[in-house]
Amino acid sequence: MPPKPKYTKEEIVLAALELVSEKGMSALTARDLGARLGTSARPIFTAFKSMEEVQDAVMQAAMNRFEEYAHRSAHMEPVFKQVGMQMIMFAKEEPKLYQLIFMSSISKAQTFDDIYAHLGLVADECLDVLQNDYSLSKDNAKTMFEHVWIHTFGIGALCATGVCDFSHEQIAEMLTQDFTAMMMLMKSGKSN
């Protein structure tokens, strides 16, 4: 009979997520995670087969945390802009997790469709908002999402790496200007 786990998978993932949030993914070693838990590395391998499995679970937990940020905007108007604001707030408040989700794991993406697939539910919800609230076709909504996401990602990357520290008002203005310009382009019919 295998030994009873001293820590649950959830407890280990939470400790690992906090370690990565503070120090980045490179700090996630069995030894450091064990120290965070106040034990040796052995309990980690009672719950997980490998550190790669722990890393995958941390990646999912980081994405879940981002989705919580994104969903804070569900009751704010305009919803699409607020999702972008929350993405940048996540970059400012959780820079190591932003780097993990949007700057490390996406680095293997070959096309924007790869990025879109990585974003999952948040991307689907944004497309729905663009189609329903702004009467955009699915293709135009996807073009709008891609362009605005790239702009928002850039602002977030500048904040997450400490290159810039934009105020809330500056971020709101940049997103408004980009969205307005893209909307004008979409409505002109010259977006393709």
Protein backbone atom coordinates (compact mmCIF):
# COMPACT_ATOMS: atom_id res chain seq x y z
CA MET A 1 0.00 0.00 0.00
CA PRO A 2 1.46 3.40 -0.96
CA PRO A 3 2.13 5.88 1.85
CA LYS A 4 -0.65 8.27 2.77
CA PRO A 5 0.12 11.74 1.40
CA LYS A 6 1.23 14.22 4.05
CA TYR A 7 -0.08 17.04 1.83
CA THR A 8 -2.89 17.03 -0.69
CA LYS A 9 -2.22 17.87 -4.32
CA GLU A 10 -4.15 21.09 -3.81
CA GLU A 11 -1.96 22.13 -0.87
CA ILE A 12 1.20 21.38 -2.83
CA VAL A 13 -0.03 23.28 -5.90
CA LEU A 14 -1.02 26.28 -3.78
CA ALA A 15 2.42 26.37 -2.14
CA ALA A 16 4.07 25.97 -5.55
CA LEU A 17 1.91 28.72 -7.05
CA GLU A 18 2.87 31.12 -4.28
CA LEU A 19 6.54 30.23 -4.74
CA VAL A 20 6.30 30.88 -8.49
CA SER A 21 4.32 34.08 -7.87
CA GLU A 22 7.13 35.40 -5.69
CA LYS A 23 10.22 34.10 -7.47
CA GLY A 24 9.28 32.82 -10.92
CA MET A 25 9.07 29.33 -12.39
CA SER A 26 12.85 28.77 -12.17
CA ALA A 27 12.49 28.77 -8.36
CA LEU A 28 10.12 25.80 -8.48
CA THR A 29 12.40 22.95 -7.45
CA ALA A 30 11.52 19.95 -5.31
CA ARG A 31 13.88 21.16 -2.61
CA ASP A 32 12.48 24.72 -2.52
CA LEU A 33 8.89 23.51 -2.66
CA GLY A 34 9.58 21.07 0.17
CA ALA A 35 11.10 23.91 2.20
CA ARG A 36 8.02 26.05 1.47
CA LEU A 37 5.87 23.23 2.82
CA GLY A 38 8.15 22.80 5.82
CA THR A 39 9.21 19.28 4.84
CA SER A 40 11.51 17.37 2.52
CA ALA A 41 10.76 16.81 -1.15
CA ARG A 42 9.42 13.31 -0.45
CA PRO A 43 5.75 14.33 0.17
CA ILE A 44 5.70 16.06 -3.22
CA PHE A 45 6.49 12.80 -4.98
CA THR A 46 3.89 10.94 -2.96
CA ALA A 47 1.24 13.19 -4.53
CA PHE A 48 2.87 13.81 -7.95
CA LYS A 49 4.87 11.56 -10.27
CA SER A 50 7.36 14.26 -11.28
CA MET A 51 8.21 17.94 -11.02
CA GLU A 52 6.95 18.30 -14.58
CA GLU A 53 3.51 17.24 -13.34
CA VAL A 54 3.79 19.85 -10.56
CA GLN A 55 4.77 22.50 -13.12
CA ASP A 56 1.76 21.62 -15.29
CA ALA A 57 -0.53 21.92 -12.27
CA VAL A 58 1.03 25.29 -11.37
CA MET A 59 0.51 26.51 -14.94
CA GLN A 60 -3.17 25.57 -14.72
CA ALA A 61 -3.48 27.21 -11.29
CA ALA A 62 -1.85 30.39 -12.65
CA MET A 63 -4.29 30.42 -15.56
CA ASN A 64 -7.17 29.94 -13.12
CA ARG A 65 -5.92 32.92 -11.12
CA PHE A 66 -5.78 35.01 -14.31
CA GLU A 67 -9.31 33.95 -15.22
CA GLU A 68 -10.46 35.14 -11.79
CA TYR A 69 -8.96 38.55 -12.60
CA ALA A 70 -10.61 38.60 -16.03
CA HIS A 71 -14.00 37.66 -14.61
CA ARG A 72 -13.92 40.59 -12.20
CA SER A 73 -14.87 42.64 -15.24
CA ALA A 74 -18.12 40.77 -15.91
CA HIS A 75 -20.21 43.41 -14.13
CA MET A 76 -18.23 46.45 -15.38
CA GLU A 77 -18.85 48.43 -18.54
CA PRO A 78 -17.60 48.25 -21.22
CA VAL A 79 -16.87 44.58 -20.61
CA PHE A 80 -14.29 44.10 -23.36
CA LYS A 81 -12.20 47.04 -22.17
CA GLN A 82 -12.45 45.89 -18.58
CA VAL A 83 -11.08 42.45 -19.49
CA GLY A 84 -8.05 44.25 -20.94
CA MET A 85 -7.76 46.40 -17.83
CA GLN A 86 -7.85 43.28 -15.66
CA MET A 87 -5.18 41.62 -17.80
CA ILE A 88 -2.88 44.58 -17.22
CA MET A 89 -3.75 44.73 -13.51
CA PHE A 90 -2.79 41.05 -13.33
CA ALA A 91 0.56 41.95 -14.94
CA LYS A 92 1.12 44.66 -12.35
CA GLU A 93 -0.01 42.64 -9.32
CA GLU A 94 1.23 39.18 -10.37
CA PRO A 95 4.20 39.93 -12.65
CA LYS A 96 5.82 36.48 -12.33
CA LEU A 97 2.55 34.71 -13.10
CA TYR A 98 1.90 37.07 -16.04
CA GLN A 99 5.37 36.24 -17.36
CA LEU A 100 4.69 32.52 -16.92
CA ILE A 101 1.32 32.54 -18.67
CA PHE A 102 1.85 35.14 -21.38
CA MET A 103 5.58 35.40 -21.90
CA SER A 104 6.96 31.90 -21.29
CA SER A 105 4.34 29.30 -22.11
CA ILE A 106 3.08 31.15 -25.18
CA SER A 107 6.60 31.42 -26.56
CA LYS A 108 6.03 28.20 -28.51
CA ALA A 109 3.04 29.70 -30.36
CA GLN A 110 3.46 29.82 -34.12
CA THR A 111 0.29 31.75 -34.94
CA PHE A 112 -2.27 33.86 -33.16
CA ASP A 113 -4.62 30.86 -33.30
CA ASP A 114 -2.16 29.07 -31.00
CA ILE A 115 -2.33 32.01 -28.59
CA TYR A 116 -6.10 32.12 -28.88
CA ALA A 117 -6.32 28.41 -27.98
CA HIS A 118 -4.05 29.00 -24.98
CA LEU A 119 -6.34 31.75 -23.69
CA GLY A 120 -9.34 29.44 -23.67
CA LEU A 121 -12.57 30.59 -22.09
CA VAL A 122 -11.54 34.23 -21.68
CA ALA A 123 -10.92 34.57 -25.42
CA ASP A 124 -14.25 32.92 -26.27
CA GLU A 125 -16.10 35.25 -23.91
CA CYS A 126 -14.38 38.29 -25.44
CA LEU A 127 -15.43 37.22 -28.93
CA ASP A 128 -19.02 36.84 -27.74
CA VAL A 129 -18.96 40.35 -26.25
CA LEU A 130 -17.51 41.85 -29.44
CA GLN A 131 -20.14 40.17 -31.58
CA ASN A 132 -23.08 40.92 -29.30
CA ASP A 133 -22.23 44.37 -27.91
CA TYR A 134 -20.63 45.83 -31.05
CA SER A 135 -22.45 43.93 -33.80
CA LEU A 136 -19.23 42.63 -35.31
CA SER A 137 -19.14 39.56 -37.50
CA LYS A 138 -17.21 36.59 -36.12
CA ASP A 139 -14.26 37.35 -38.44
CA ASN A 140 -14.20 41.04 -37.52
CA ALA A 141 -14.55 40.19 -33.82
CA LYS A 142 -11.56 37.86 -34.09
CA THR A 143 -9.52 40.52 -35.94
CA MET A 144 -10.47 43.09 -33.29
CA PHE A 145 -9.63 40.71 -30.47
CA GLU A 146 -6.26 39.84 -31.99
CA HIS A 147 -5.23 43.45 -32.53
CA VAL A 148 -6.41 44.72 -29.15
CA TRP A 149 -4.99 41.68 -27.33
CA ILE A 150 -1.54 42.28 -28.87
CA HIS A 151 -1.67 45.92 -27.74
CA THR A 152 -2.89 44.93 -24.27
CA PHE A 153 -0.29 42.17 -24.02
CA GLY A 154 2.43 44.71 -24.82
CA ILE A 155 1.30 47.09 -22.10
CA GLY A 156 1.09 44.16 -19.67
CA ALA A 157 4.59 42.96 -20.61
CA LEU A 158 6.00 46.45 -20.02
CA CYS A 159 4.37 46.50 -16.58
CA ALA A 160 5.24 42.89 -15.64
CA THR A 161 8.92 43.39 -16.43
CA GLY A 162 9.13 46.74 -14.64
CA VAL A 163 9.96 48.69 -17.80
CA CYS A 164 6.93 50.97 -17.31
CA ASP A 165 4.52 51.66 -14.50
CA PHE A 166 1.49 53.19 -16.17
CA SER A 167 -1.28 54.64 -14.03
CA HIS A 168 -4.80 53.23 -14.17
CA GLU A 169 -5.89 56.34 -16.10
CA GLN A 170 -3.06 55.98 -18.64
CA ILE A 171 -3.91 52.34 -19.24
CA ALA A 172 -7.62 53.14 -19.66
CA GLU A 173 -6.81 55.87 -22.17
CA MET A 174 -4.43 53.67 -24.19
CA LEU A 175 -7.00 50.88 -24.42
CA THR A 176 -9.77 53.32 -25.36
CA GLN A 177 -7.68 54.86 -28.12
CA ASP A 178 -6.66 51.49 -29.56
CA PHE A 179 -10.19 50.09 -29.44
CA THR A 180 -11.70 53.25 -30.97
CA ALA A 181 -9.16 53.28 -33.79
CA MET A 182 -9.78 49.60 -34.54
CA MET A 183 -13.55 50.06 -34.40
CA MET A 184 -13.32 52.94 -36.88
CA LEU A 185 -11.23 50.74 -39.16
CA MET A 186 -13.73 47.87 -38.86
CA LYS A 187 -16.68 50.13 -39.63
CA SER A 188 -14.86 51.61 -42.64
CA GLY A 189 -14.58 48.14 -44.16
CA LYS A 190 -10.82 48.54 -44.69
CA SER A 191 -9.71 46.14 -41.95
CA ASN A 192 -8.69 43.32 -44.30
